[in-house]
Protein backbone atom coordinates (compact mmCIF):
# COMPACT_ATOMS: atom_id res chain seq x y z
CA MET A 1 64.35 67.85 112.85
CA ASN A 2 68.07 67.69 113.51
CA LEU A 3 70.24 70.58 112.39
CA LYS A 4 73.87 70.99 111.43
CA ALA A 5 76.13 73.85 112.47
CA VAL A 6 79.59 74.79 111.30
CA ALA A 7 81.96 77.13 113.11
CA ILE A 8 84.69 79.33 111.74
CA ASN A 9 87.49 80.48 114.02
CA CYS A 10 88.96 83.72 112.72
CA SER A 11 91.83 83.80 115.17
CA LEU A 12 95.09 85.16 113.81
CA LYS A 13 96.72 81.92 115.00
CA ALA A 14 96.91 78.95 112.68
CA GLY A 15 95.85 75.51 113.98
CA GLY A 16 97.59 73.92 116.94
CA GLU A 17 97.71 76.85 119.36
CA ALA A 18 95.14 77.22 122.14
CA SER A 19 92.52 79.79 121.25
CA SER A 20 89.97 81.62 123.37
CA THR A 21 87.79 81.81 120.27
CA ASP A 22 87.73 77.99 120.15
CA LEU A 23 86.72 77.92 123.81
CA MET A 24 83.82 80.31 123.19
CA ILE A 25 82.73 78.24 120.18
CA SER A 26 82.76 75.11 122.34
CA VAL A 27 80.56 76.80 124.99
CA ILE A 28 78.03 77.68 122.28
CA ALA A 29 78.28 74.25 120.65
CA ASN A 30 77.52 72.53 123.97
CA GLU A 31 74.32 74.53 124.27
CA PHE A 32 73.37 73.87 120.64
CA ALA A 33 73.73 70.12 121.25
CA LYS A 34 70.89 70.34 123.78
CA HIS A 35 68.63 71.48 120.93
CA GLY A 36 69.54 68.77 118.45
CA VAL A 37 72.14 70.88 116.62
CA GLU A 38 75.37 69.06 115.76
CA LEU A 39 78.58 71.04 115.27
CA SER A 40 80.10 69.28 112.26
CA GLU A 41 83.47 71.03 112.39
CA THR A 42 85.36 74.16 113.31
CA LEU A 43 87.36 75.71 110.48
CA ARG A 44 90.47 77.62 111.65
CA ILE A 45 90.57 80.03 108.74
CA ALA A 46 94.21 81.09 109.30
CA SER A 47 95.25 77.50 108.60
CA TYR A 48 94.02 77.84 105.00
CA ASN A 49 95.02 79.97 102.06
CA VAL A 50 92.05 82.32 101.76
CA ARG A 51 93.13 84.74 99.10
CA PRO A 52 92.04 88.41 99.08
CA GLY A 53 89.18 89.25 96.77
CA VAL A 54 85.41 89.48 96.49
CA SER A 55 84.63 86.47 94.30
CA SER A 56 83.84 82.92 95.34
CA ASP A 57 86.96 81.60 93.61
CA GLU A 58 90.17 83.60 93.31
CA GLY A 59 91.99 81.00 91.25
CA ALA A 60 94.79 78.48 91.75
CA GLY A 61 95.75 77.92 95.36
CA ASP A 62 92.63 79.53 96.81
CA ASP A 63 91.12 77.42 99.61
CA TRP A 64 87.97 79.51 99.88
CA PRO A 65 85.81 77.56 97.38
CA GLU A 66 86.04 74.39 99.52
CA LEU A 67 85.54 76.32 102.77
CA ARG A 68 82.54 78.08 101.22
CA ARG A 69 81.04 74.71 100.31
CA ARG A 70 81.46 73.35 103.82
CA ILE A 71 80.03 76.51 105.40
CA LEU A 72 76.96 76.50 103.16
CA GLU A 73 76.24 72.81 103.85
CA ALA A 74 75.24 73.79 107.41
CA ASP A 75 72.00 75.31 108.68
CA ILE A 76 73.75 77.50 111.25
CA LEU A 77 77.05 79.39 111.07
CA ILE A 78 78.93 80.15 114.32
CA PHE A 79 81.18 83.03 113.32
CA GLY A 80 84.03 83.26 115.83
CA THR A 81 86.42 86.18 115.99
CA PRO A 82 88.78 87.75 118.49
CA ILE A 83 88.92 91.51 118.97
CA TRP A 84 92.05 93.25 117.72
CA LEU A 85 92.48 97.04 118.05
CA GLY A 86 88.79 97.29 118.89
CA ASN A 87 87.68 95.52 115.70
CA MET A 88 87.08 92.03 114.36
CA SER A 89 90.24 90.29 113.23
CA SER A 90 91.64 90.83 109.74
CA VAL A 91 90.86 87.16 109.07
CA ALA A 92 87.19 87.73 109.90
CA GLN A 93 87.12 90.79 107.67
CA ARG A 94 88.52 88.73 104.81
CA VAL A 95 85.79 86.10 105.26
CA LEU A 96 83.15 88.82 105.03
CA GLU A 97 84.83 90.18 101.91
CA ARG A 98 84.76 86.78 100.24
CA MET A 99 81.10 86.30 101.18
CA ASP A 100 80.35 89.54 99.36
CA ALA A 101 80.25 87.36 96.24
CA PHE A 102 76.90 85.99 97.46
CA LEU A 103 75.26 89.24 96.32
CA GLY A 104 75.87 88.27 92.70
CA GLU A 105 74.91 84.62 93.10
CA GLY A 106 71.16 84.85 93.62
CA ASP A 107 68.82 82.21 92.20
CA ASP A 108 65.78 82.88 89.99
CA HIS A 109 64.03 84.45 93.00
CA GLY A 110 66.98 86.62 94.00
CA ARG A 111 67.91 84.45 97.00
CA TYR A 112 71.59 84.39 97.91
CA PRO A 113 73.27 81.04 98.80
CA SER A 114 73.03 82.03 102.49
CA PHE A 115 69.28 82.72 102.44
CA SER A 116 67.31 80.77 105.08
CA LYS A 117 70.51 80.06 107.02
CA VAL A 118 71.19 81.46 110.49
CA ALA A 119 74.37 83.10 111.79
CA VAL A 120 75.49 83.77 115.36
CA ALA A 121 78.71 85.26 116.73
CA ALA A 122 81.35 84.07 119.21
CA ILE A 123 83.51 87.05 120.20
CA VAL A 124 86.43 87.24 122.63
CA GLY A 125 88.94 89.89 123.62
CA ASN A 126 90.94 91.17 126.54
CA GLU A 127 89.49 94.65 126.46
CA ASP A 128 86.53 96.58 125.02
CA GLY A 129 85.12 96.28 121.50
CA ALA A 130 82.52 93.50 121.62
CA HIS A 131 79.54 95.71 120.80
CA ALA A 132 81.33 97.42 117.90
CA VAL A 133 82.46 94.08 116.48
CA THR A 134 78.95 92.66 116.83
CA ALA A 135 77.48 95.66 114.98
CA GLY A 136 79.93 95.49 112.09
CA LEU A 137 79.84 91.73 111.80
CA PHE A 138 76.06 91.42 111.77
CA GLN A 139 75.64 94.30 109.35
CA GLY A 140 77.90 92.49 106.91
CA LEU A 141 76.37 89.05 107.44
CA ASN A 142 72.83 90.38 107.09
CA ASP A 143 73.73 92.25 103.90
CA GLU A 144 75.10 88.96 102.57
CA GLY A 145 71.87 87.07 103.24
CA TRP A 146 72.35 85.45 106.64
CA THR A 147 69.50 85.61 109.17
CA ILE A 148 70.34 86.97 112.62
CA PRO A 149 68.23 85.69 115.55
CA ALA A 150 67.51 87.45 118.84
CA VAL A 151 70.43 87.30 121.35
CA SER A 152 72.80 86.23 118.59
CA ALA A 153 76.18 87.36 119.99
CA CYS A 154 77.93 85.63 122.89
CA TYR A 155 81.06 87.50 123.98
CA TRP A 156 83.59 87.91 126.76
CA VAL A 157 86.09 90.73 127.20
CA GLY A 158 88.65 91.12 129.96
CA GLU A 159 89.80 94.16 131.89
CA ALA A 160 90.81 97.16 129.77
CA MET A 161 94.54 97.29 129.04
CA GLY A 162 94.89 93.81 130.52
CA LYS A 163 96.28 90.55 129.13
CA THR A 164 93.84 87.99 130.52
CA ASP A 165 92.04 85.94 127.86
CA LEU A 166 88.96 83.76 128.25
CA LYS A 167 91.14 80.63 128.13
CA ASP A 168 93.13 81.92 131.12
CA LEU A 169 90.11 81.87 133.45
CA ASP A 170 89.50 79.04 135.92
CA ARG A 171 85.98 78.64 134.55
CA VAL A 172 83.68 80.17 131.95
CA PRO A 173 81.61 82.97 133.57
CA GLU A 174 77.97 82.04 134.23
CA LYS A 175 76.75 85.06 132.27
CA VAL A 176 78.55 83.77 129.17
CA THR A 177 76.99 80.33 129.56
CA GLN A 178 73.57 81.88 130.16
CA THR A 179 73.86 83.97 126.99
CA ALA A 180 75.00 80.95 124.99
CA ARG A 181 72.00 79.02 126.31
CA MET A 182 69.54 81.64 125.09
CA MET A 183 71.40 82.06 121.79
CA ALA A 184 71.24 78.33 121.08
CA SER A 185 67.54 78.14 121.88
CA ASN A 186 66.65 81.09 119.65
CA ALA A 187 68.97 80.15 116.78
CA ALA A 188 67.89 76.50 116.68
CA HIS A 189 64.22 77.53 116.74
CA LEU A 190 64.70 79.99 113.89
CA ALA A 191 66.83 77.62 111.81
CA ARG A 192 64.15 74.94 112.02
CA LEU A 193 61.47 77.36 110.91
CA LEU A 194 63.57 78.50 107.96
CA LYS A 195 64.55 74.96 106.95
CA ALA A 196 60.89 73.97 106.88
CA HIS A 197 59.74 77.20 105.25
CA PRO A 198 62.58 78.91 103.32
CA TYR A 199 62.36 82.53 102.28
CA PRO A 200 60.32 82.83 99.08
CA GLY A 201 62.51 85.54 97.59
CA GLU A 202 61.26 87.75 94.78
CA GLN A 203 57.95 86.76 93.22
CA GLY A 204 55.83 88.23 90.44
CA GLU A 205 57.55 90.34 87.84
CA HIS A 206 61.13 89.29 88.69
CA GLY A 207 60.55 85.68 89.88
CA LYS A 208 59.50 82.42 88.32
CA ASN A 209 55.98 82.73 89.70
CA LYS A 210 54.87 85.55 87.39
């Protein structure tokens, strides 16, 4: 069973500029390919007009409805974000805020649009914050219905108070590649299980199968 992944790059830079987040996504995508998972596209969110709000459509000029459609077409979401001031980027936070709408979009069994879909994280920075970003990001994604596999965050951070980014290195550190390898194996395995056997959601009193 082949699977499809989509990546979002929540860099503050719009398209065209080199991005360490893109590099981390590519490392993960290369490992996913070994498990029959195709990365369909990487969406550089800052290149689109994603309006503030907590609905799935904030009206004229809002690019989120189309991005939402493309994200939900995939079995696996690679959520890429740089670290700024010790936190995920403001772009990443906005994506989480827009996905909050999922909580009101459950089907007859209470399943959100993201149910039975897997999410992993690609995090980069030039000083500390990876663990805090992972915690906040996965709390939000899990609340919004995404499934988080074991070893689901692949990150790299440089020396504290330094300016070296992942893209500035001569090569990707082996530990990063090793983590991406395990992440891809776990996430592909879980995504296949969920695609074959989706979550049942609420049954009985509140579901169709009363």
